[in-house]
Amino acid sequence: MNAKKVLACKTHEVASGQQKIVKLGHLPVGIFNVGGEYHAMLNVCPHRGAALCEGPQCGTTQDTAHYEFIYGQRDDLVRCAWHGWEFEIKTGEFLVDRSIKAKTYPVSVEGEDLYVHL
């Protein structure tokens, strides 16, 4: 794979549990920090073309035997602001149907520089 390595931002610009939208050439890309690991996703929802990465970074509730809420997958998901579709940030997979995916890109870090491989 001969991906083009493009400087996206500095690592300190993306706090844990947060995202930053950058323009890489003509591509809008969301840079996410999931527990200190960085991921990149095209800022286009495969459902209806919304700005996917501008939705909240979130998780899900898990089933329990009691009447309580346990939060899982904390900050592992991005929820599209238009229709609420949730995608795993690391893989781009839609939670309801794994065959539907948002476009993701490999990321590398060199010192403070965060690169996306297009």
PDB file of N, CA and C in Angstrom:
ATOM      1  N   MET A   1       0.845  -1.174   0.000  1.00  0.00           N
ATOM      2  CA  MET A   1       0.000   0.000   0.000  1.00  0.00           C
ATOM      3  C   MET A   1       0.889   1.235   0.000  1.00  0.00           C
ATOM      4  N   ASN A   2       0.720   2.090  -0.969  1.00  0.00           N
ATOM      5  CA  ASN A   2       1.478   3.328  -1.070  1.00  0.00           C
ATOM      6  C   ASN A   2       0.609   4.501  -0.668  1.00  0.00           C
ATOM      7  N   ALA A   3       0.279   4.570   0.603  1.00  0.00           N
ATOM      8  CA  ALA A   3      -0.562   5.658   1.096  1.00  0.00           C
ATOM      9  C   ALA A   3       0.256   6.937   1.204  1.00  0.00           C
ATOM     10  N   LYS A   4      -0.396   8.036   0.963  1.00  0.00           N
ATOM     11  CA  LYS A   4       0.224   9.350   1.100  1.00  0.00           C
ATOM     12  C   LYS A   4       0.115   9.775   2.563  1.00  0.00           C
ATOM     13  N   LYS A   5       1.254  10.059   3.202  1.00  0.00           N
ATOM     14  CA  LYS A   5       1.290  10.480   4.609  1.00  0.00           C
ATOM     15  C   LYS A   5       1.121  11.993   4.665  1.00  0.00           C
ATOM     16  N   VAL A   6       0.068  12.440   5.373  1.00  0.00           N
ATOM     17  CA  VAL A   6      -0.262  13.860   5.446  1.00  0.00           C
ATOM     18  C   VAL A   6      -0.315  14.301   6.911  1.00  0.00           C
ATOM     19  N   LEU A   7       0.387  15.383   7.232  1.00  0.00           N
ATOM     20  CA  LEU A   7       0.336  15.931   8.579  1.00  0.00           C
ATOM     21  C   LEU A   7      -1.072  16.465   8.841  1.00  0.00           C
ATOM     22  N   ALA A   8      -1.713  15.961   9.896  1.00  0.00           N
ATOM     23  CA  ALA A   8      -3.090  16.364  10.209  1.00  0.00           C
ATOM     24  C   ALA A   8      -3.131  17.427  11.308  1.00  0.00           C
ATOM     25  N   CYS A   9      -2.369  17.218  12.387  1.00  0.00           N
ATOM     26  CA  CYS A   9      -2.373  18.140  13.520  1.00  0.00           C
ATOM     27  C   CYS A   9      -1.320  17.693  14.514  1.00  0.00           C
ATOM     28  N   LYS A  10      -1.263  18.372  15.635  1.00  0.00           N
ATOM     29  CA  LYS A  10      -0.402  17.991  16.760  1.00  0.00           C
ATOM     30  C   LYS A  10      -1.218  17.139  17.723  1.00  0.00           C
ATOM     31  N   THR A  11      -0.576  16.192  18.370  1.00  0.00           N
ATOM     32  CA  THR A  11      -1.296  15.288  19.267  1.00  0.00           C
ATOM     33  C   THR A  11      -2.000  16.043  20.396  1.00  0.00           C
ATOM     34  N   HIS A  12      -1.399  17.107  20.925  1.00  0.00           N
ATOM     35  CA  HIS A  12      -2.009  17.830  22.041  1.00  0.00           C
ATOM     36  C   HIS A  12      -3.282  18.576  21.628  1.00  0.00           C
ATOM     37  N   GLU A  13      -3.569  18.647  20.337  1.00  0.00           N
ATOM     38  CA  GLU A  13      -4.785  19.319  19.859  1.00  0.00           C
ATOM     39  C   GLU A  13      -6.019  18.424  19.958  1.00  0.00           C
ATOM     40  N   VAL A  14      -5.814  17.131  20.273  1.00  0.00           N
ATOM     41  CA  VAL A  14      -6.931  16.178  20.332  1.00  0.00           C
ATOM     42  C   VAL A  14      -6.900  15.488  21.697  1.00  0.00           C
ATOM     43  N   ALA A  15      -7.652  16.020  22.642  1.00  0.00           N
ATOM     44  CA  ALA A  15      -7.696  15.457  23.997  1.00  0.00           C
ATOM     45  C   ALA A  15      -8.420  14.109  23.982  1.00  0.00           C
ATOM     46  N   SER A  16      -8.143  13.282  24.975  1.00  0.00           N
ATOM     47  CA  SER A  16      -8.796  11.980  25.090  1.00  0.00           C
ATOM     48  C   SER A  16     -10.310  12.162  25.155  1.00  0.00           C
ATOM     49  N   GLY A  17     -11.034  11.390  24.358  1.00  0.00           N
ATOM     50  CA  GLY A  17     -12.489  11.483  24.310  1.00  0.00           C
ATOM     51  C   GLY A  17     -12.987  12.619  23.444  1.00  0.00           C
ATOM     52  N   GLN A  18     -12.097  13.228  22.690  1.00  0.00           N
ATOM     53  CA  GLN A  18     -12.457  14.368  21.847  1.00  0.00           C
ATOM     54  C   GLN A  18     -12.063  14.089  20.397  1.00  0.00           C
ATOM     55  N   GLN A  19     -12.560  14.933  19.505  1.00  0.00           N
ATOM     56  CA  GLN A  19     -12.193  14.832  18.108  1.00  0.00           C
ATOM     57  C   GLN A  19     -11.865  16.209  17.553  1.00  0.00           C
ATOM     58  N   LYS A  20     -11.144  16.200  16.454  1.00  0.00           N
ATOM     59  CA  LYS A  20     -10.797  17.436  15.754  1.00  0.00           C
ATOM     60  C   LYS A  20     -11.059  17.183  14.276  1.00  0.00           C
ATOM     61  N   ILE A  21     -11.740  18.111  13.628  1.00  0.00           N
ATOM     62  CA  ILE A  21     -12.011  18.006  12.199  1.00  0.00           C
ATOM     63  C   ILE A  21     -10.930  18.792  11.468  1.00  0.00           C
ATOM     64  N   VAL A  22     -10.284  18.148  10.497  1.00  0.00           N
ATOM     65  CA  VAL A  22      -9.247  18.796   9.698  1.00  0.00           C
ATOM     66  C   VAL A  22      -9.572  18.604   8.220  1.00  0.00           C
ATOM     67  N   LYS A  23      -9.009  19.439   7.401  1.00  0.00           N
ATOM     68  CA  LYS A  23      -9.157  19.319   5.948  1.00  0.00           C
ATOM     69  C   LYS A  23      -7.812  18.846   5.407  1.00  0.00           C
ATOM     70  N   LEU A  24      -7.784  17.677   4.787  1.00  0.00           N
ATOM     71  CA  LEU A  24      -6.563  17.124   4.203  1.00  0.00           C
ATOM     72  C   LEU A  24      -6.758  17.125   2.694  1.00  0.00           C
ATOM     73  N   GLY A  25      -6.220  18.165   2.054  1.00  0.00           N
ATOM     74  CA  GLY A  25      -6.514  18.369   0.642  1.00  0.00           C
ATOM     75  C   GLY A  25      -7.984  18.720   0.525  1.00  0.00           C
ATOM     76  N   HIS A  26      -8.727  17.933  -0.236  1.00  0.00           N
ATOM     77  CA  HIS A  26     -10.173  18.156  -0.371  1.00  0.00           C
ATOM     78  C   HIS A  26     -11.004  17.289   0.571  1.00  0.00           C
ATOM     79  N   LEU A  27     -10.343  16.474   1.401  1.00  0.00           N
ATOM     80  CA  LEU A  27     -11.059  15.540   2.278  1.00  0.00           C
ATOM     81  C   LEU A  27     -11.257  16.091   3.692  1.00  0.00           C
ATOM     82  N   PRO A  28     -12.508  16.134   4.185  1.00  0.00           N
ATOM     83  CA  PRO A  28     -12.735  16.460   5.588  1.00  0.00           C
ATOM     84  C   PRO A  28     -12.550  15.188   6.421  1.00  0.00           C
ATOM     85  N   VAL A  29     -11.664  15.249   7.406  1.00  0.00           N
ATOM     86  CA  VAL A  29     -11.323  14.064   8.193  1.00  0.00           C
ATOM     87  C   VAL A  29     -11.446  14.386   9.676  1.00  0.00           C
ATOM     88  N   GLY A  30     -12.051  13.464  10.420  1.00  0.00           N
ATOM     89  CA  GLY A  30     -12.124  13.578  11.868  1.00  0.00           C
ATOM     90  C   GLY A  30     -10.977  12.812  12.497  1.00  0.00           C
ATOM     91  N   ILE A  31     -10.252  13.472  13.395  1.00  0.00           N
ATOM     92  CA  ILE A  31      -9.174  12.833  14.148  1.00  0.00           C
ATOM     93  C   ILE A  31      -9.710  12.604  15.557  1.00  0.00           C
ATOM     94  N   PHE A  32      -9.650  11.372  16.033  1.00  0.00           N
ATOM     95  CA  PHE A  32     -10.203  11.000  17.337  1.00  0.00           C
ATOM     96  C   PHE A  32      -9.102  10.498  18.260  1.00  0.00           C
ATOM     97  N   ASN A  33      -9.263  10.793  19.551  1.00  0.00           N
ATOM     98  CA  ASN A  33      -8.393  10.258  20.579  1.00  0.00           C
ATOM     99  C   ASN A  33      -9.242   9.338  21.440  1.00  0.00           C
ATOM    100  N   VAL A  34      -8.970   8.034  21.328  1.00  0.00           N
ATOM    101  CA  VAL A  34      -9.701   7.028  22.100  1.00  0.00           C
ATOM    102  C   VAL A  34      -8.715   6.433  23.103  1.00  0.00           C
ATOM    103  N   GLY A  35      -8.737   6.972  24.323  1.00  0.00           N
ATOM    104  CA  GLY A  35      -7.854   6.466  25.377  1.00  0.00           C
ATOM    105  C   GLY A  35      -6.378   6.566  25.046  1.00  0.00           C
ATOM    106  N   GLY A  36      -5.986   7.616  24.354  1.00  0.00           N
ATOM    107  CA  GLY A  36      -4.579   7.808  23.999  1.00  0.00           C
ATOM    108  C   GLY A  36      -4.183   7.228  22.652  1.00  0.00           C
ATOM    109  N   GLU A  37      -5.097   6.537  21.994  1.00  0.00           N
ATOM    110  CA  GLU A  37      -4.855   6.025  20.644  1.00  0.00           C
ATOM    111  C   GLU A  37      -5.579   6.936  19.656  1.00  0.00           C
ATOM    112  N   TYR A  38      -4.894   7.264  18.565  1.00  0.00           N
ATOM    113  CA  TYR A  38      -5.462   8.181  17.580  1.00  0.00           C
ATOM    114  C   TYR A  38      -6.007   7.413  16.381  1.00  0.00           C
ATOM    115  N   HIS A  39      -7.143   7.898  15.872  1.00  0.00           N
ATOM    116  CA  HIS A  39      -7.813   7.280  14.730  1.00  0.00           C
ATOM    117  C   HIS A  39      -8.329   8.375  13.817  1.00  0.00           C
ATOM    118  N   ALA A  40      -8.459   8.048  12.530  1.00  0.00           N
ATOM    119  CA  ALA A  40      -8.950   9.018  11.555  1.00  0.00           C
ATOM    120  C   ALA A  40     -10.113   8.413  10.780  1.00  0.00           C
ATOM    121  N   MET A  41     -11.126   9.256  10.509  1.00  0.00           N
ATOM    122  CA  MET A  41     -12.327   8.812   9.812  1.00  0.00           C
ATOM    123  C   MET A  41     -12.787   9.929   8.873  1.00  0.00           C
ATOM    124  N   LEU A  42     -13.198   9.537   7.674  1.00  0.00           N
ATOM    125  CA  LEU A  42     -13.768  10.509   6.742  1.00  0.00           C
ATOM    126  C   LEU A  42     -15.001  11.125   7.383  1.00  0.00           C
ATOM    127  N   ASN A  43     -15.110  12.434   7.301  1.00  0.00           N
ATOM    128  CA  ASN A  43     -16.218  13.149   7.941  1.00  0.00           C
ATOM    129  C   ASN A  43     -17.470  13.117   7.057  1.00  0.00           C
ATOM    130  N   VAL A  44     -17.841  11.920   6.631  1.00  0.00           N
ATOM    131  CA  VAL A  44     -19.032  11.727   5.798  1.00  0.00           C
ATOM    132  C   VAL A  44     -19.729  10.455   6.265  1.00  0.00           C
ATOM    133  N   CYS A  45     -20.967  10.583   6.695  1.00  0.00           N
ATOM    134  CA  CYS A  45     -21.738   9.422   7.126  1.00  0.00           C
ATOM    135  C   CYS A  45     -22.180   8.625   5.899  1.00  0.00           C
ATOM    136  N   PRO A  46     -21.959   7.304   5.884  1.00  0.00           N
ATOM    137  CA  PRO A  46     -22.374   6.494   4.737  1.00  0.00           C
ATOM    138  C   PRO A  46     -23.889   6.384   4.580  1.00  0.00           C
ATOM    139  N   HIS A  47     -24.649   6.794   5.599  1.00  0.00           N
ATOM    140  CA  HIS A  47     -26.104   6.715   5.532  1.00  0.00           C
ATOM    141  C   HIS A  47     -26.680   7.798   4.619  1.00  0.00           C
ATOM    142  N   ARG A  48     -26.428   9.072   4.948  1.00  0.00           N
ATOM    143  CA  ARG A  48     -27.012  10.175   4.186  1.00  0.00           C
ATOM    144  C   ARG A  48     -26.031  11.314   3.914  1.00  0.00           C
ATOM    145  N   GLY A  49     -24.729  11.065   4.139  1.00  0.00           N
ATOM    146  CA  GLY A  49     -23.726  12.066   3.799  1.00  0.00           C
ATOM    147  C   GLY A  49     -23.538  13.177   4.809  1.00  0.00           C
ATOM    148  N   ALA A  50     -24.060  13.017   6.017  1.00  0.00           N
ATOM    149  CA  ALA A  50     -23.913  14.049   7.054  1.00  0.00           C
ATOM    150  C   ALA A  50     -22.456  14.158   7.494  1.00  0.00           C
ATOM    151  N   ALA A  51     -22.150  15.219   8.213  1.00  0.00           N
ATOM    152  CA  ALA A  51     -20.818  15.421   8.793  1.00  0.00           C
ATOM    153  C   ALA A  51     -20.694  14.519  10.028  1.00  0.00           C
ATOM    154  N   LEU A  52     -20.386  13.255   9.795  1.00  0.00           N
ATOM    155  CA  LEU A  52     -20.381  12.219  10.828  1.00  0.00           C
ATOM    156  C   LEU A  52     -19.504  12.566  12.023  1.00  0.00           C
ATOM    157  N   CYS A  53     -18.300  13.032  11.778  1.00  0.00           N
ATOM    158  CA  CYS A  53     -17.323  13.250  12.850  1.00  0.00           C
ATOM    159  C   CYS A  53     -17.640  14.457  13.719  1.00  0.00           C
ATOM    160  N   GLU A  54     -18.642  15.218  13.356  1.00  0.00           N
ATOM    161  CA  GLU A  54     -19.064  16.344  14.179  1.00  0.00           C
ATOM    162  C   GLU A  54     -20.081  15.917  15.232  1.00  0.00           C
ATOM    163  N   GLY A  55     -20.532  14.664  15.161  1.00  0.00           N
ATOM    164  CA  GLY A  55     -21.429  14.131  16.181  1.00  0.00           C
ATOM    165  C   GLY A  55     -20.645  13.814  17.436  1.00  0.00           C
ATOM    166  N   PRO A  56     -21.334  13.467  18.527  1.00  0.00           N
ATOM    167  CA  PRO A  56     -20.639  13.220  19.793  1.00  0.00           C
ATOM    168  C   PRO A  56     -19.844  11.918  19.782  1.00  0.00           C
ATOM    169  N   GLN A  57     -18.699  11.948  20.454  1.00  0.00           N
ATOM    170  CA  GLN A  57     -17.933  10.737  20.713  1.00  0.00           C
ATOM    171  C   GLN A  57     -18.561  10.130  21.958  1.00  0.00           C
ATOM    172  N   CYS A  58     -18.971   8.867  21.899  1.00  0.00           N
ATOM    173  CA  CYS A  58     -19.798   8.311  22.964  1.00  0.00           C
ATOM    174  C   CYS A  58     -19.531   6.826  23.154  1.00  0.00           C
ATOM    175  N   GLY A  59     -20.395   6.177  23.886  1.00  0.00           N
ATOM    176  CA  GLY A  59     -20.352   4.740  24.118  1.00  0.00           C
ATOM    177  C   GLY A  59     -21.776   4.210  24.122  1.00  0.00           C
ATOM    178  N   THR A  60     -21.977   3.061  24.735  1.00  0.00           N
ATOM    179  CA  THR A  60     -23.305   2.458  24.787  1.00  0.00           C
ATOM    180  C   THR A  60     -23.618   2.008  26.202  1.00  0.00           C
ATOM    181  N   THR A  61     -24.874   1.716  26.448  1.00  0.00           N
ATOM    182  CA  THR A  61     -25.230   1.070  27.707  1.00  0.00           C
ATOM    183  C   THR A  61     -25.208  -0.434  27.468  1.00  0.00           C
ATOM    184  N   GLN A  62     -24.948  -1.181  28.537  1.00  0.00           N
ATOM    185  CA  GLN A  62     -24.872  -2.634  28.439  1.00  0.00           C
ATOM    186  C   GLN A  62     -26.026  -3.268  29.200  1.00  0.00           C
ATOM    187  N   ASP A  63     -26.381  -4.481  28.787  1.00  0.00           N
ATOM    188  CA  ASP A  63     -27.426  -5.228  29.486  1.00  0.00           C
ATOM    189  C   ASP A  63     -26.960  -5.605  30.884  1.00  0.00           C
ATOM    190  N   THR A  64     -27.867  -5.511  31.838  1.00  0.00           N
ATOM    191  CA  THR A  64     -27.574  -5.932  33.206  1.00  0.00           C
ATOM    192  C   THR A  64     -28.756  -6.732  33.731  1.00  0.00           C
ATOM    193  N   ALA A  65     -28.516  -7.477  34.792  1.00  0.00           N
ATOM    194  CA  ALA A  65     -29.575  -8.272  35.413  1.00  0.00           C
ATOM    195  C   ALA A  65     -30.420  -7.417  36.364  1.00  0.00           C
ATOM    196  N   HIS A  66     -29.940  -6.247  36.702  1.00  0.00           N
ATOM    197  CA  HIS A  66     -30.633  -5.369  37.644  1.00  0.00           C
ATOM    198  C   HIS A  66     -31.048  -4.089  36.931  1.00  0.00           C
ATOM    199  N   TYR A  67     -31.767  -3.264  37.629  1.00  0.00           N
ATOM    200  CA  TYR A  67     -32.197  -1.989  37.076  1.00  0.00           C
ATOM    201  C   TYR A  67     -31.110  -0.944  37.281  1.00  0.00           C
ATOM    202  N   GLU A  68     -30.090  -1.028  36.452  1.00  0.00           N
ATOM    203  CA  GLU A  68     -28.976  -0.093  36.540  1.00  0.00           C
ATOM    204  C   GLU A  68     -28.416   0.134  35.143  1.00  0.00           C
ATOM    205  N   PHE A  69     -27.696   1.205  35.003  1.00  0.00           N
ATOM    206  CA  PHE A  69     -27.037   1.493  33.744  1.00  0.00           C
ATOM    207  C   PHE A  69     -25.539   1.290  33.909  1.00  0.00           C
ATOM    208  N   ILE A  70     -24.979   0.502  33.027  1.00  0.00           N
ATOM    209  CA  ILE A  70     -23.528   0.351  32.957  1.00  0.00           C
ATOM    210  C   ILE A  70     -23.114   0.824  31.578  1.00  0.00           C
ATOM    211  N   TYR A  71     -22.211   1.769  31.577  1.00  0.00           N
ATOM    212  CA  TYR A  71     -21.768   2.377  30.329  1.00  0.00           C
ATOM    213  C   TYR A  71     -20.593   1.585  29.785  1.00  0.00           C
ATOM    214  N   GLY A  72     -20.667   1.178  28.513  1.00  0.00           N
ATOM    215  CA  GLY A  72     -19.596   0.419  27.886  1.00  0.00           C
ATOM    216  C   GLY A  72     -19.086   1.106  26.637  1.00  0.00           C
ATOM    217  N   GLN A  73     -17.984   0.653  26.142  1.00  0.00           N
ATOM    218  CA  GLN A  73     -17.359   1.201  24.940  1.00  0.00           C
ATOM    219  C   GLN A  73     -17.189   2.719  25.041  1.00  0.00           C
ATOM    220  N   ARG A  74     -16.834   3.194  26.207  1.00  0.00           N
ATOM    221  CA  ARG A  74     -16.704   4.638  26.444  1.00  0.00           C
ATOM    222  C   ARG A  74     -15.778   5.285  25.427  1.00  0.00           C
ATOM    223  N   ASP A  75     -16.294   6.280  24.735  1.00  0.00           N
ATOM    224  CA  ASP A  75     -15.567   7.068  23.731  1.00  0.00           C
ATOM    225  C   ASP A  75     -15.131   6.260  22.509  1.00  0.00           C
ATOM    226  N   ASP A  76     -15.617   5.029  22.361  1.00  0.00           N
ATOM    227  CA  ASP A  76     -15.247   4.181  21.210  1.00  0.00           C
ATOM    228  C   ASP A  76     -16.113   4.438  19.989  1.00  0.00           C
ATOM    229  N   LEU A  77     -17.195   5.204  20.145  1.00  0.00           N
ATOM    230  CA  LEU A  77     -18.163   5.381  19.067  1.00  0.00           C
ATOM    231  C   LEU A  77     -18.307   6.851  18.714  1.00  0.00           C
ATOM    232  N   VAL A  78     -18.726   7.086  17.477  1.00  0.00           N
ATOM    233  CA  VAL A  78     -19.171   8.418  17.083  1.00  0.00           C
ATOM    234  C   VAL A  78     -20.613   8.267  16.614  1.00  0.00           C
ATOM    235  N   ARG A  79     -21.474   9.190  17.072  1.00  0.00           N
ATOM    236  CA  ARG A  79     -22.895   9.138  16.736  1.00  0.00           C
ATOM    237  C   ARG A  79     -23.211  10.267  15.761  1.00  0.00           C
ATOM    238  N   CYS A  80     -23.726   9.898  14.600  1.00  0.00           N
ATOM    239  CA  CYS A  80     -24.079  10.889  13.591  1.00  0.00           C
ATOM    240  C   CYS A  80     -25.178  11.806  14.146  1.00  0.00           C
ATOM    241  N   ALA A  81     -24.955  13.096  14.021  1.00  0.00           N
ATOM    242  CA  ALA A  81     -25.903  14.071  14.566  1.00  0.00           C
ATOM    243  C   ALA A  81     -27.216  14.107  13.791  1.00  0.00           C
ATOM    244  N   TRP A  82     -27.231  13.665  12.544  1.00  0.00           N
ATOM    245  CA  TRP A  82     -28.458  13.723  11.748  1.00  0.00           C
ATOM    246  C   TRP A  82     -29.470  12.661  12.152  1.00  0.00           C
ATOM    247  N   HIS A  83     -29.055  11.389  12.193  1.00  0.00           N
ATOM    248  CA  HIS A  83     -30.012  10.308  12.425  1.00  0.00           C
ATOM    249  C   HIS A  83     -29.614   9.353  13.546  1.00  0.00           C
ATOM    250  N   GLY A  84     -28.516   9.660  14.252  1.00  0.00           N
ATOM    251  CA  GLY A  84     -28.133   8.866  15.409  1.00  0.00           C
ATOM    252  C   GLY A  84     -27.429   7.560  15.116  1.00  0.00           C
ATOM    253  N   TRP A  85     -27.042   7.315  13.870  1.00  0.00           N
ATOM    254  CA  TRP A  85     -26.325   6.080  13.566  1.00  0.00           C
ATOM    255  C   TRP A  85     -24.984   6.109  14.290  1.00  0.00           C
ATOM    256  N   GLU A  86     -24.606   4.991  14.909  1.00  0.00           N
ATOM    257  CA  GLU A  86     -23.370   4.913  15.684  1.00  0.00           C
ATOM    258  C   GLU A  86     -22.355   4.014  14.989  1.00  0.00           C
ATOM    259  N   PHE A  87     -21.131   4.527  14.905  1.00  0.00           N
ATOM    260  CA  PHE A  87     -20.044   3.831  14.233  1.00  0.00           C
ATOM    261  C   PHE A  87     -18.865   3.672  15.183  1.00  0.00           C
ATOM    262  N   GLU A  88     -18.210   2.496  15.133  1.00  0.00           N
ATOM    263  CA  GLU A  88     -16.998   2.296  15.912  1.00  0.00           C
ATOM    264  C   GLU A  88     -15.886   3.127  15.277  1.00  0.00           C
ATOM    265  N   ILE A  89     -15.226   3.911  16.075  1.00  0.00           N
ATOM    266  CA  ILE A  89     -14.191   4.805  15.565  1.00  0.00           C
ATOM    267  C   ILE A  89     -13.009   4.020  15.003  1.00  0.00           C
ATOM    268  N   LYS A  90     -12.596   2.953  15.655  1.00  0.00           N
ATOM    269  CA  LYS A  90     -11.414   2.197  15.222  1.00  0.00           C
ATOM    270  C   LYS A  90     -11.626   1.490  13.887  1.00  0.00           C
ATOM    271  N   THR A  91     -12.820   0.968  13.655  1.00  0.00           N
ATOM    272  CA  THR A  91     -13.067   0.154  12.456  1.00  0.00           C
ATOM    273  C   THR A  91     -13.963   0.832  11.433  1.00  0.00           C
ATOM    274  N   GLY A  92     -14.744   1.817  11.869  1.00  0.00           N
ATOM    275  CA  GLY A  92     -15.726   2.467  10.999  1.00  0.00           C
ATOM    276  C   GLY A  92     -17.018   1.697  10.869  1.00  0.00           C
ATOM    277  N   GLU A  93     -17.150   0.553  11.562  1.00  0.00           N
ATOM    278  CA  GLU A  93     -18.333  -0.297  11.424  1.00  0.00           C
ATOM    279  C   GLU A  93     -19.559   0.304  12.116  1.00  0.00           C
ATOM    280  N   PHE A  94     -20.692   0.230  11.427  1.00  0.00           N
ATOM    281  CA  PHE A  94     -21.999   0.626  11.963  1.00  0.00           C
ATOM    282  C   PHE A  94     -22.425  -0.443  12.962  1.00  0.00           C
ATOM    283  N   LEU A  95     -22.852  -0.051  14.158  1.00  0.00           N
ATOM    284  CA  LEU A  95     -23.176  -1.019  15.208  1.00  0.00           C
ATOM    285  C   LEU A  95     -24.305  -1.964  14.850  1.00  0.00           C
ATOM    286  N   VAL A  96     -25.277  -1.505  14.099  1.00  0.00           N
ATOM    287  CA  VAL A  96     -26.455  -2.319  13.795  1.00  0.00           C
ATOM    288  C   VAL A  96     -26.204  -3.291  12.649  1.00  0.00           C
ATOM    289  N   ASP A  97     -25.404  -2.899  11.680  1.00  0.00           N
ATOM    290  CA  ASP A  97     -25.123  -3.729  10.500  1.00  0.00           C
ATOM    291  C   ASP A  97     -23.649  -3.574  10.144  1.00  0.00           C
ATOM    292  N   ARG A  98     -22.839  -4.545  10.536  1.00  0.00           N
ATOM    293  CA  ARG A  98     -21.378  -4.473  10.374  1.00  0.00           C
ATOM    294  C   ARG A  98     -20.923  -4.407   8.915  1.00  0.00           C
ATOM    295  N   SER A  99     -21.841  -4.659   7.978  1.00  0.00           N
ATOM    296  CA  SER A  99     -21.461  -4.564   6.556  1.00  0.00           C
ATOM    297  C   SER A  99     -21.423  -3.104   6.086  1.00  0.00           C
ATOM    298  N   ILE A 100     -22.001  -2.197   6.858  1.00  0.00           N
ATOM    299  CA  ILE A 100     -21.975  -0.766   6.539  1.00  0.00           C
ATOM    300  C   ILE A 100     -20.830  -0.135   7.318  1.00  0.00           C
ATOM    301  N   LYS A 101     -19.955   0.566   6.594  1.00  0.00           N
ATOM    302  CA  LYS A 101     -18.779   1.145   7.249  1.00  0.00           C
ATOM    303  C   LYS A 101     -18.546   2.578   6.818  1.00  0.00           C
ATOM    304  N   ALA A 102     -18.111   3.376   7.777  1.00  0.00           N
ATOM    305  CA  ALA A 102     -17.585   4.703   7.477  1.00  0.00           C
ATOM    306  C   ALA A 102     -16.122   4.507   7.078  1.00  0.00           C
ATOM    307  N   LYS A 103     -15.619   5.354   6.219  1.00  0.00           N
ATOM    308  CA  LYS A 103     -14.236   5.253   5.745  1.00  0.00           C
ATOM    309  C   LYS A 103     -13.272   5.668   6.856  1.00  0.00           C
ATOM    310  N   THR A 104     -12.300   4.809   7.157  1.00  0.00           N
ATOM    311  CA  THR A 104     -11.265   5.122   8.139  1.00  0.00           C
ATOM    312  C   THR A 104      -9.907   5.126   7.449  1.00  0.00           C
ATOM    313  N   TYR A 105      -8.939   5.760   8.103  1.00  0.00           N
ATOM    314  CA  TYR A 105      -7.581   5.852   7.571  1.00  0.00           C
ATOM    315  C   TYR A 105      -6.584   5.478   8.659  1.00  0.00           C
ATOM    316  N   PRO A 106      -5.465   4.856   8.268  1.00  0.00           N
ATOM    317  CA  PRO A 106      -4.408   4.602   9.244  1.00  0.00           C
ATOM    318  C   PRO A 106      -3.806   5.922   9.737  1.00  0.00           C
ATOM    319  N   VAL A 107      -3.314   5.900  10.962  1.00  0.00           N
ATOM    320  CA  VAL A 107      -2.718   7.078  11.589  1.00  0.00           C
ATOM    321  C   VAL A 107      -1.363   6.678  12.163  1.00  0.00           C
ATOM    322  N   SER A 108      -0.413   7.589  12.100  1.00  0.00           N
ATOM    323  CA  SER A 108       0.867   7.384  12.776  1.00  0.00           C
ATOM    324  C   SER A 108       1.236   8.656  13.525  1.00  0.00           C
ATOM    325  N   VAL A 109       2.029   8.476  14.577  1.00  0.00           N
ATOM    326  CA  VAL A 109       2.468   9.595  15.400  1.00  0.00           C
ATOM    327  C   VAL A 109       3.983   9.617  15.390  1.00  0.00           C
ATOM    328  N   GLU A 110       4.538  10.789  15.115  1.00  0.00           N
ATOM    329  CA  GLU A 110       5.983  11.000  15.164  1.00  0.00           C
ATOM    330  C   GLU A 110       6.236  12.204  16.054  1.00  0.00           C
ATOM    331  N   GLY A 111       6.681  11.945  17.271  1.00  0.00           N
ATOM    332  CA  GLY A 111       6.838  13.024  18.238  1.00  0.00           C
ATOM    333  C   GLY A 111       5.470  13.594  18.568  1.00  0.00           C
ATOM    334  N   GLU A 112       5.269  14.878  18.315  1.00  0.00           N
ATOM    335  CA  GLU A 112       3.982  15.548  18.540  1.00  0.00           C
ATOM    336  C   GLU A 112       3.119  15.586  17.278  1.00  0.00           C
ATOM    337  N   ASP A 113       3.674  15.150  16.159  1.00  0.00           N
ATOM    338  CA  ASP A 113       2.974  15.233  14.870  1.00  0.00           C
ATOM    339  C   ASP A 113       2.114  13.999  14.628  1.00  0.00           C
ATOM    340  N   LEU A 114       0.874  14.243  14.231  1.00  0.00           N
ATOM    341  CA  LEU A 114      -0.059  13.172  13.933  1.00  0.00           C
ATOM    342  C   LEU A 114      -0.303  13.149  12.425  1.00  0.00           C
ATOM    343  N   TYR A 115      -0.013  12.023  11.802  1.00  0.00           N
ATOM    344  CA  TYR A 115      -0.141  11.866  10.361  1.00  0.00           C
ATOM    345  C   TYR A 115      -1.280  10.928  10.013  1.00  0.00           C
ATOM    346  N   VAL A 116      -1.986  11.250   8.941  1.00  0.00           N
ATOM    347  CA  VAL A 116      -3.022  10.371   8.395  1.00  0.00           C
ATOM    348  C   VAL A 116      -2.480   9.849   7.066  1.00  0.00           C
ATOM    349  N   HIS A 117      -2.677   8.553   6.839  1.00  0.00           N
ATOM    350  CA  HIS A 117      -2.194   7.890   5.619  1.00  0.00           C
ATOM    351  C   HIS A 117      -3.385   7.712   4.678  1.00  0.00           C
ATOM    352  N   LEU A 118      -3.415   8.550   3.653  1.00  0.00           N
ATOM    353  CA  LEU A 118      -4.530   8.546   2.694  1.00  0.00           C
ATOM    354  C   LEU A 118      -4.274   7.606   1.538  1.00  0.00           C
TER     355      LEU A 118
END
